[in-house]
All heavy atoms as atom14 arrays in JSON, in Angstrom:
{
  "sequence": "VVKAGLEIQIYMKNRMDEKSAAGTDYWNTRVGVHSGPVIAGV",
  "atom14_mask": [
    [1, 1, 1, 1, 1, 1, 1, 0, 0, 0, 0, 0, 0, 0],
    [1, 1, 1, 1, 1, 1, 1, 0, 0, 0, 0, 0, 0, 0],
    [1, 1, 1, 1, 1, 1, 1, 1, 1, 0, 0, 0, 0, 0],
    [1, 1, 1, 1, 1, 0, 0, 0, 0, 0, 0, 0, 0, 0],
    [1, 1, 1, 1, 0, 0, 0, 0, 0, 0, 0, 0, 0, 0],
    [1, 1, 1, 1, 1, 1, 1, 1, 0, 0, 0, 0, 0, 0],
    [1, 1, 1, 1, 1, 1, 1, 1, 1, 0, 0, 0, 0, 0],
    [1, 1, 1, 1, 1, 1, 1, 1, 0, 0, 0, 0, 0, 0],
    [1, 1, 1, 1, 1, 1, 1, 1, 1, 0, 0, 0, 0, 0],
    [1, 1, 1, 1, 1, 1, 1, 1, 0, 0, 0, 0, 0, 0],
    [1, 1, 1, 1, 1, 1, 1, 1, 1, 1, 1, 1, 0, 0],
    [1, 1, 1, 1, 1, 1, 1, 1, 0, 0, 0, 0, 0, 0],
    [1, 1, 1, 1, 1, 1, 1, 1, 1, 0, 0, 0, 0, 0],
    [1, 1, 1, 1, 1, 1, 1, 1, 0, 0, 0, 0, 0, 0],
    [1, 1, 1, 1, 1, 1, 1, 1, 1, 1, 1, 0, 0, 0],
    [1, 1, 1, 1, 1, 1, 1, 1, 0, 0, 0, 0, 0, 0],
    [1, 1, 1, 1, 1, 1, 1, 1, 0, 0, 0, 0, 0, 0],
    [1, 1, 1, 1, 1, 1, 1, 1, 1, 0, 0, 0, 0, 0],
    [1, 1, 1, 1, 1, 1, 1, 1, 1, 0, 0, 0, 0, 0],
    [1, 1, 1, 1, 1, 1, 0, 0, 0, 0, 0, 0, 0, 0],
    [1, 1, 1, 1, 1, 0, 0, 0, 0, 0, 0, 0, 0, 0],
    [1, 1, 1, 1, 1, 0, 0, 0, 0, 0, 0, 0, 0, 0],
    [1, 1, 1, 1, 0, 0, 0, 0, 0, 0, 0, 0, 0, 0],
    [1, 1, 1, 1, 1, 1, 1, 0, 0, 0, 0, 0, 0, 0],
    [1, 1, 1, 1, 1, 1, 1, 1, 0, 0, 0, 0, 0, 0],
    [1, 1, 1, 1, 1, 1, 1, 1, 1, 1, 1, 1, 0, 0],
    [1, 1, 1, 1, 1, 1, 1, 1, 1, 1, 1, 1, 1, 1],
    [1, 1, 1, 1, 1, 1, 1, 1, 0, 0, 0, 0, 0, 0],
    [1, 1, 1, 1, 1, 1, 1, 0, 0, 0, 0, 0, 0, 0],
    [1, 1, 1, 1, 1, 1, 1, 1, 1, 1, 1, 0, 0, 0],
    [1, 1, 1, 1, 1, 1, 1, 0, 0, 0, 0, 0, 0, 0],
    [1, 1, 1, 1, 0, 0, 0, 0, 0, 0, 0, 0, 0, 0],
    [1, 1, 1, 1, 1, 1, 1, 0, 0, 0, 0, 0, 0, 0],
    [1, 1, 1, 1, 1, 1, 1, 1, 1, 1, 0, 0, 0, 0],
    [1, 1, 1, 1, 1, 1, 0, 0, 0, 0, 0, 0, 0, 0],
    [1, 1, 1, 1, 0, 0, 0, 0, 0, 0, 0, 0, 0, 0],
    [1, 1, 1, 1, 1, 1, 1, 0, 0, 0, 0, 0, 0, 0],
    [1, 1, 1, 1, 1, 1, 1, 0, 0, 0, 0, 0, 0, 0],
    [1, 1, 1, 1, 1, 1, 1, 1, 0, 0, 0, 0, 0, 0],
    [1, 1, 1, 1, 1, 0, 0, 0, 0, 0, 0, 0, 0, 0],
    [1, 1, 1, 1, 0, 0, 0, 0, 0, 0, 0, 0, 0, 0],
    [1, 1, 1, 1, 1, 1, 1, 0, 0, 0, 0, 0, 0, 0]
  ],
  "atom14_positions": [
    [[-11.3, -4.28, -4.17], [-10.16, -4.47, -3.27], [-8.86, -4.33, -4.05], [-7.92, -3.65, -3.6], [-10.24, -5.83, -2.54], [-8.94, -6.12, -1.8], [-11.42, -5.86, -1.57], [0.0, 0.0, 0.0], [0.0, 0.0, 0.0], [0.0, 0.0, 0.0], [0.0, 0.0, 0.0], [0.0, 0.0, 0.0], [0.0, 0.0, 0.0], [0.0, 0.0, 0.0]],
    [[-8.78, -4.92, -5.22], [-7.56, -4.81, -6.03], [-7.35, -3.38, -6.51], [-6.22, -2.87, -6.48], [-7.58, -5.82, -7.2], [-6.43, -5.57, -8.16], [-7.52, -7.25, -6.66], [0.0, 0.0, 0.0], [0.0, 0.0, 0.0], [0.0, 0.0, 0.0], [0.0, 0.0, 0.0], [0.0, 0.0, 0.0], [0.0, 0.0, 0.0], [0.0, 0.0, 0.0]],
    [[-8.42, -2.69, -6.9], [-8.29, -1.28, -7.28], [-7.71, -0.47, -6.12], [-6.82, 0.37, -6.31], [-9.64, -0.68, -7.67], [-10.14, -1.1, -9.03], [-11.5, -0.44, -9.29], [-12.09, -0.85, -10.6], [-13.45, -0.26, -10.78], [0.0, 0.0, 0.0], [0.0, 0.0, 0.0], [0.0, 0.0, 0.0], [0.0, 0.0, 0.0], [0.0, 0.0, 0.0]],
    [[-8.22, -0.72, -4.92], [-7.71, -0.01, -3.74], [-6.24, -0.36, -3.51], [-5.43, 0.53, -3.21], [-8.55, -0.36, -2.5], [0.0, 0.0, 0.0], [0.0, 0.0, 0.0], [0.0, 0.0, 0.0], [0.0, 0.0, 0.0], [0.0, 0.0, 0.0], [0.0, 0.0, 0.0], [0.0, 0.0, 0.0], [0.0, 0.0, 0.0], [0.0, 0.0, 0.0]],
    [[-5.88, -1.63, -3.65], [-4.49, -2.04, -3.47], [-3.56, -1.34, -4.45], [-2.48, -0.88, -4.08], [0.0, 0.0, 0.0], [0.0, 0.0, 0.0], [0.0, 0.0, 0.0], [0.0, 0.0, 0.0], [0.0, 0.0, 0.0], [0.0, 0.0, 0.0], [0.0, 0.0, 0.0], [0.0, 0.0, 0.0], [0.0, 0.0, 0.0], [0.0, 0.0, 0.0]],
    [[-3.98, -1.25, -5.71], [-3.17, -0.56, -6.71], [-3.05, 0.93, -6.38], [-1.97, 1.51, -6.52], [-3.77, -0.76, -8.1], [-3.67, -2.17, -8.67], [-4.51, -2.29, -9.94], [-2.22, -2.55, -8.94], [0.0, 0.0, 0.0], [0.0, 0.0, 0.0], [0.0, 0.0, 0.0], [0.0, 0.0, 0.0], [0.0, 0.0, 0.0], [0.0, 0.0, 0.0]],
    [[-4.13, 1.53, -5.93], [-4.09, 2.95, -5.59], [-3.2, 3.2, -4.36], [-2.47, 4.19, -4.31], [-5.5, 3.49, -5.35], [-5.53, 4.99, -5.32], [-6.93, 5.57, -5.41], [-7.78, 5.03, -6.16], [-7.17, 6.6, -4.73], [0.0, 0.0, 0.0], [0.0, 0.0, 0.0], [0.0, 0.0, 0.0], [0.0, 0.0, 0.0], [0.0, 0.0, 0.0]],
    [[-3.23, 2.29, -3.41], [-2.33, 2.39, -2.25], [-0.88, 2.33, -2.72], [-0.03, 3.1, -2.26], [-2.65, 1.31, -1.21], [-3.93, 1.7, -0.45], [-1.48, 1.08, -0.25], [-4.5, 0.6, 0.43], [0.0, 0.0, 0.0], [0.0, 0.0, 0.0], [0.0, 0.0, 0.0], [0.0, 0.0, 0.0], [0.0, 0.0, 0.0], [0.0, 0.0, 0.0]],
    [[-0.59, 1.45, -3.65], [0.79, 1.34, -4.15], [1.21, 2.62, -4.87], [2.35, 3.06, -4.74], [0.95, 0.12, -5.06], [0.86, -1.2, -4.33], [1.96, -1.42, -3.31], [2.51, -0.5, -2.71], [2.29, -2.67, -3.08], [0.0, 0.0, 0.0], [0.0, 0.0, 0.0], [0.0, 0.0, 0.0], [0.0, 0.0, 0.0], [0.0, 0.0, 0.0]],
    [[0.31, 3.23, -5.63], [0.63, 4.5, -6.29], [0.91, 5.57, -5.24], [1.89, 6.32, -5.34], [-0.51, 4.94, -7.23], [-0.6, 3.99, -8.43], [-0.33, 6.39, -7.68], [-1.86, 4.16, -9.25], [0.0, 0.0, 0.0], [0.0, 0.0, 0.0], [0.0, 0.0, 0.0], [0.0, 0.0, 0.0], [0.0, 0.0, 0.0], [0.0, 0.0, 0.0]],
    [[0.04, 5.65, -4.24], [0.24, 6.63, -3.17], [1.6, 6.43, -2.5], [2.35, 7.4, -2.3], [-0.88, 6.52, -2.12], [-0.62, 7.38, -0.92], [-0.97, 8.72, -0.93], [0.02, 6.87, 0.22], [-0.7, 9.54, 0.16], [0.3, 7.68, 1.3], [-0.07, 9.01, 1.27], [0.22, 9.81, 2.35], [0.0, 0.0, 0.0], [0.0, 0.0, 0.0]],
    [[1.94, 5.2, -2.18], [3.21, 4.94, -1.48], [4.42, 5.18, -2.37], [5.45, 5.65, -1.9], [3.22, 3.52, -0.92], [2.26, 3.32, 0.24], [2.53, 4.47, 1.62], [4.12, 3.93, 2.21], [0.0, 0.0, 0.0], [0.0, 0.0, 0.0], [0.0, 0.0, 0.0], [0.0, 0.0, 0.0], [0.0, 0.0, 0.0], [0.0, 0.0, 0.0]],
    [[4.3, 4.92, -3.67], [5.41, 5.22, -4.59], [5.64, 6.72, -4.63], [6.79, 7.18, -4.57], [5.1, 4.68, -5.98], [6.01, 5.21, -7.07], [6.9, 4.16, -7.63], [7.8, 4.59, -8.75], [8.52, 5.83, -8.65], [0.0, 0.0, 0.0], [0.0, 0.0, 0.0], [0.0, 0.0, 0.0], [0.0, 0.0, 0.0], [0.0, 0.0, 0.0]],
    [[4.55, 7.5, -4.72], [4.68, 8.96, -4.72], [5.27, 9.45, -3.41], [6.12, 10.35, -3.41], [3.33, 9.62, -4.99], [2.84, 9.39, -6.4], [3.62, 9.09, -7.31], [1.54, 9.48, -6.61], [0.0, 0.0, 0.0], [0.0, 0.0, 0.0], [0.0, 0.0, 0.0], [0.0, 0.0, 0.0], [0.0, 0.0, 0.0], [0.0, 0.0, 0.0]],
    [[4.85, 8.89, -2.3], [5.38, 9.28, -0.99], [6.87, 8.95, -0.92], [7.67, 9.75, -0.41], [4.6, 8.54, 0.11], [4.9, 9.01, 1.49], [3.87, 10.01, 1.94], [4.16, 10.42, 3.3], [4.18, 11.68, 3.69], [3.87, 12.63, 2.84], [4.47, 12.0, 4.91], [0.0, 0.0, 0.0], [0.0, 0.0, 0.0], [0.0, 0.0, 0.0]],
    [[7.25, 7.78, -1.4], [8.66, 7.38, -1.39], [9.49, 8.31, -2.26], [10.59, 8.71, -1.87], [8.81, 5.94, -1.88], [10.21, 5.4, -1.72], [10.46, 3.73, -2.38], [9.02, 2.87, -1.85], [0.0, 0.0, 0.0], [0.0, 0.0, 0.0], [0.0, 0.0, 0.0], [0.0, 0.0, 0.0], [0.0, 0.0, 0.0], [0.0, 0.0, 0.0]],
    [[8.95, 8.69, -3.43], [9.67, 9.6, -4.31], [9.87, 10.96, -3.64], [10.95, 11.56, -3.74], [8.92, 9.77, -5.63], [8.99, 8.52, -6.51], [9.78, 7.6, -6.2], [8.2, 8.46, -7.47], [0.0, 0.0, 0.0], [0.0, 0.0, 0.0], [0.0, 0.0, 0.0], [0.0, 0.0, 0.0], [0.0, 0.0, 0.0], [0.0, 0.0, 0.0]],
    [[8.83, 11.46, -2.95], [8.94, 12.74, -2.23], [10.01, 12.66, -1.15], [10.83, 13.58, -1.01], [7.6, 13.1, -1.56], [6.5, 13.49, -2.48], [5.16, 13.59, -1.75], [5.12, 13.6, -0.5], [4.13, 13.67, -2.44], [0.0, 0.0, 0.0], [0.0, 0.0, 0.0], [0.0, 0.0, 0.0], [0.0, 0.0, 0.0], [0.0, 0.0, 0.0]],
    [[10.0, 11.6, -0.39], [10.97, 11.44, 0.71], [12.38, 11.28, 0.16], [13.33, 11.84, 0.7], [10.59, 10.25, 1.6], [9.3, 10.44, 2.36], [9.44, 11.55, 3.38], [8.2, 11.7, 4.22], [8.36, 12.68, 5.28], [0.0, 0.0, 0.0], [0.0, 0.0, 0.0], [0.0, 0.0, 0.0], [0.0, 0.0, 0.0], [0.0, 0.0, 0.0]],
    [[12.53, 10.52, -0.92], [13.84, 10.34, -1.53], [14.4, 11.65, -2.06], [15.59, 11.94, -1.91], [13.77, 9.32, -2.67], [13.49, 8.04, -2.16], [0.0, 0.0, 0.0], [0.0, 0.0, 0.0], [0.0, 0.0, 0.0], [0.0, 0.0, 0.0], [0.0, 0.0, 0.0], [0.0, 0.0, 0.0], [0.0, 0.0, 0.0], [0.0, 0.0, 0.0]],
    [[13.52, 12.47, -2.67], [13.95, 13.78, -3.17], [14.44, 14.68, -2.04], [15.31, 15.52, -2.24], [12.81, 14.45, -3.93], [0.0, 0.0, 0.0], [0.0, 0.0, 0.0], [0.0, 0.0, 0.0], [0.0, 0.0, 0.0], [0.0, 0.0, 0.0], [0.0, 0.0, 0.0], [0.0, 0.0, 0.0], [0.0, 0.0, 0.0], [0.0, 0.0, 0.0]],
    [[13.89, 14.46, -0.84], [14.31, 15.25, 0.33], [15.5, 14.59, 1.05], [15.92, 15.06, 2.1], [13.14, 15.41, 1.29], [0.0, 0.0, 0.0], [0.0, 0.0, 0.0], [0.0, 0.0, 0.0], [0.0, 0.0, 0.0], [0.0, 0.0, 0.0], [0.0, 0.0, 0.0], [0.0, 0.0, 0.0], [0.0, 0.0, 0.0], [0.0, 0.0, 0.0]],
    [[16.01, 13.5, 0.48], [17.16, 12.81, 1.07], [16.82, 11.91, 2.24], [17.69, 11.56, 3.04], [0.0, 0.0, 0.0], [0.0, 0.0, 0.0], [0.0, 0.0, 0.0], [0.0, 0.0, 0.0], [0.0, 0.0, 0.0], [0.0, 0.0, 0.0], [0.0, 0.0, 0.0], [0.0, 0.0, 0.0], [0.0, 0.0, 0.0], [0.0, 0.0, 0.0]],
    [[15.57, 11.5, 2.34], [15.13, 10.65, 3.45], [14.81, 9.26, 2.95], [14.11, 9.09, 1.95], [13.85, 11.26, 4.1], [14.12, 12.61, 4.46], [13.41, 10.47, 5.3], [0.0, 0.0, 0.0], [0.0, 0.0, 0.0], [0.0, 0.0, 0.0], [0.0, 0.0, 0.0], [0.0, 0.0, 0.0], [0.0, 0.0, 0.0], [0.0, 0.0, 0.0]],
    [[15.31, 8.25, 3.65], [14.94, 6.87, 3.32], [13.47, 6.66, 3.66], [12.93, 7.28, 4.58], [15.78, 5.88, 4.13], [17.2, 5.77, 3.6], [17.4, 6.04, 2.41], [18.09, 5.4, 4.39], [0.0, 0.0, 0.0], [0.0, 0.0, 0.0], [0.0, 0.0, 0.0], [0.0, 0.0, 0.0], [0.0, 0.0, 0.0], [0.0, 0.0, 0.0]],
    [[12.82, 5.76, 2.93], [11.42, 5.49, 3.18], [11.16, 4.03, 2.92], [11.96, 3.35, 2.27], [10.55, 6.38, 2.28], [9.2, 6.68, 2.87], [9.07, 7.43, 4.02], [8.04, 6.18, 2.3], [7.83, 7.71, 4.57], [6.79, 6.46, 2.83], [6.7, 7.23, 3.98], [5.47, 7.49, 4.52], [0.0, 0.0, 0.0], [0.0, 0.0, 0.0]],
    [[10.06, 3.54, 3.39], [9.76, 2.12, 3.24], [8.9, 1.86, 2.03], [8.24, 2.73, 1.5], [9.1, 1.57, 4.5], [7.81, 2.24, 4.88], [6.58, 1.97, 4.37], [7.63, 3.27, 5.85], [5.65, 2.78, 4.97], [6.26, 3.58, 5.88], [8.49, 3.96, 6.7], [5.74, 4.55, 6.72], [7.95, 4.93, 7.53], [6.6, 5.22, 7.54]],
    [[8.92, 0.61, 1.6], [8.12, 0.13, 0.49], [6.97, -0.68, 1.06], [7.02, -1.09, 2.21], [9.0, -0.74, -0.42], [8.6, -0.62, -1.87], [7.44, -0.44, -2.2], [9.58, -0.75, -2.75], [0.0, 0.0, 0.0], [0.0, 0.0, 0.0], [0.0, 0.0, 0.0], [0.0, 0.0, 0.0], [0.0, 0.0, 0.0], [0.0, 0.0, 0.0]],
    [[5.95, -0.92, 0.27], [4.79, -1.67, 0.76], [4.52, -2.87, -0.12], [4.88, -2.91, -1.3], [3.52, -0.79, 0.78], [3.35, -0.21, -0.52], [3.61, 0.3, 1.81], [0.0, 0.0, 0.0], [0.0, 0.0, 0.0], [0.0, 0.0, 0.0], [0.0, 0.0, 0.0], [0.0, 0.0, 0.0], [0.0, 0.0, 0.0], [0.0, 0.0, 0.0]],
    [[3.87, -3.85, 0.5], [3.38, -5.03, -0.21], [1.89, -5.13, 0.07], [1.44, -4.86, 1.17], [4.08, -6.29, 0.31], [5.57, -6.32, 0.09], [6.16, -7.65, 0.57], [5.7, -8.04, 1.87], [6.42, -8.03, 2.98], [7.67, -7.6, 2.95], [5.93, -8.42, 4.12], [0.0, 0.0, 0.0], [0.0, 0.0, 0.0], [0.0, 0.0, 0.0]],
    [[1.13, -5.53, -0.95], [-0.3, -5.72, -0.8], [-0.63, -7.16, -1.19], [-0.19, -7.63, -2.24], [-1.11, -4.73, -1.67], [-2.6, -5.05, -1.63], [-0.85, -3.3, -1.24], [0.0, 0.0, 0.0], [0.0, 0.0, 0.0], [0.0, 0.0, 0.0], [0.0, 0.0, 0.0], [0.0, 0.0, 0.0], [0.0, 0.0, 0.0], [0.0, 0.0, 0.0]],
    [[-1.39, -7.83, -0.33], [-1.84, -9.19, -0.62], [-3.35, -9.27, -0.56], [-3.98, -8.66, 0.32], [0.0, 0.0, 0.0], [0.0, 0.0, 0.0], [0.0, 0.0, 0.0], [0.0, 0.0, 0.0], [0.0, 0.0, 0.0], [0.0, 0.0, 0.0], [0.0, 0.0, 0.0], [0.0, 0.0, 0.0], [0.0, 0.0, 0.0], [0.0, 0.0, 0.0]],
    [[-3.94, -10.01, -1.51], [-5.4, -10.12, -1.58], [-5.79, -11.58, -1.78], [-5.21, -12.3, -2.6], [-5.97, -9.29, -2.76], [-7.49, -9.41, -2.83], [-5.54, -7.84, -2.68], [0.0, 0.0, 0.0], [0.0, 0.0, 0.0], [0.0, 0.0, 0.0], [0.0, 0.0, 0.0], [0.0, 0.0, 0.0], [0.0, 0.0, 0.0], [0.0, 0.0, 0.0]],
    [[-6.78, -12.0, -1.0], [-7.4, -13.32, -1.16], [-8.89, -13.14, -1.0], [-9.34, -12.23, -0.29], [-6.86, -14.31, -0.13], [-7.46, -15.68, -0.24], [-7.34, -16.44, -1.37], [-8.21, -16.4, 0.63], [-7.98, -17.6, -1.18], [-8.51, -17.59, 0.03], [0.0, 0.0, 0.0], [0.0, 0.0, 0.0], [0.0, 0.0, 0.0], [0.0, 0.0, 0.0]],
    [[-9.66, -13.98, -1.65], [-11.12, -13.89, -1.59], [-11.7, -15.16, -1.02], [-11.25, -16.26, -1.36], [-11.69, -13.67, -3.0], [-11.13, -12.51, -3.57], [0.0, 0.0, 0.0], [0.0, 0.0, 0.0], [0.0, 0.0, 0.0], [0.0, 0.0, 0.0], [0.0, 0.0, 0.0], [0.0, 0.0, 0.0], [0.0, 0.0, 0.0], [0.0, 0.0, 0.0]],
    [[-12.7, -15.0, -0.16], [-13.36, -16.16, 0.43], [-14.17, -15.76, 1.64], [-14.25, -14.58, 2.0], [0.0, 0.0, 0.0], [0.0, 0.0, 0.0], [0.0, 0.0, 0.0], [0.0, 0.0, 0.0], [0.0, 0.0, 0.0], [0.0, 0.0, 0.0], [0.0, 0.0, 0.0], [0.0, 0.0, 0.0], [0.0, 0.0, 0.0], [0.0, 0.0, 0.0]],
    [[-14.75, -16.75, 2.29], [-15.61, -16.46, 3.45], [-14.8, -16.11, 4.69], [-13.68, -16.57, 4.87], [-16.37, -17.78, 3.66], [-15.44, -18.82, 3.14], [-14.71, -18.17, 1.97], [0.0, 0.0, 0.0], [0.0, 0.0, 0.0], [0.0, 0.0, 0.0], [0.0, 0.0, 0.0], [0.0, 0.0, 0.0], [0.0, 0.0, 0.0], [0.0, 0.0, 0.0]],
    [[-15.39, -15.26, 5.53], [-14.81, -14.92, 6.83], [-15.91, -14.94, 7.88], [-17.09, -14.86, 7.56], [-14.11, -13.53, 6.84], [-12.95, -13.49, 5.87], [-15.1, -12.43, 6.56], [0.0, 0.0, 0.0], [0.0, 0.0, 0.0], [0.0, 0.0, 0.0], [0.0, 0.0, 0.0], [0.0, 0.0, 0.0], [0.0, 0.0, 0.0], [0.0, 0.0, 0.0]],
    [[-15.5, -15.03, 9.11], [-16.39, -14.83, 10.24], [-16.08, -13.43, 10.76], [-14.91, -13.07, 10.91], [-16.13, -15.86, 11.36], [-16.29, -17.29, 10.83], [-17.02, -15.6, 12.56], [-17.68, -17.64, 10.37], [0.0, 0.0, 0.0], [0.0, 0.0, 0.0], [0.0, 0.0, 0.0], [0.0, 0.0, 0.0], [0.0, 0.0, 0.0], [0.0, 0.0, 0.0]],
    [[-17.1, -12.65, 11.04], [-16.89, -11.29, 11.52], [-17.67, -11.08, 12.81], [-18.73, -11.66, 13.0], [-17.36, -10.28, 10.47], [0.0, 0.0, 0.0], [0.0, 0.0, 0.0], [0.0, 0.0, 0.0], [0.0, 0.0, 0.0], [0.0, 0.0, 0.0], [0.0, 0.0, 0.0], [0.0, 0.0, 0.0], [0.0, 0.0, 0.0], [0.0, 0.0, 0.0]],
    [[-17.1, -10.28, 13.69], [-17.81, -9.97, 14.92], [-16.9, -9.43, 15.99], [-15.8, -8.95, 15.71], [0.0, 0.0, 0.0], [0.0, 0.0, 0.0], [0.0, 0.0, 0.0], [0.0, 0.0, 0.0], [0.0, 0.0, 0.0], [0.0, 0.0, 0.0], [0.0, 0.0, 0.0], [0.0, 0.0, 0.0], [0.0, 0.0, 0.0], [0.0, 0.0, 0.0]],
    [[-17.37, -9.55, 17.22], [-16.65, -9.07, 18.39], [-16.56, -10.23, 19.37], [-17.55, -10.92, 19.61], [-17.4, -7.88, 19.04], [-16.69, -7.41, 20.3], [-17.54, -6.74, 18.04], [0.0, 0.0, 0.0], [0.0, 0.0, 0.0], [0.0, 0.0, 0.0], [0.0, 0.0, 0.0], [0.0, 0.0, 0.0], [0.0, 0.0, 0.0], [0.0, 0.0, 0.0]]
  ]
}
């Protein structure tokens, strides 16, 4: 999960850099991770 979070941040930094180079404002991201039990279902 943390590896994925770091990779998402790299992707978004690259996207932000591309948009900034084109003169477009772009958003930043935050990633939060916690570990523990969950209930899953429908």
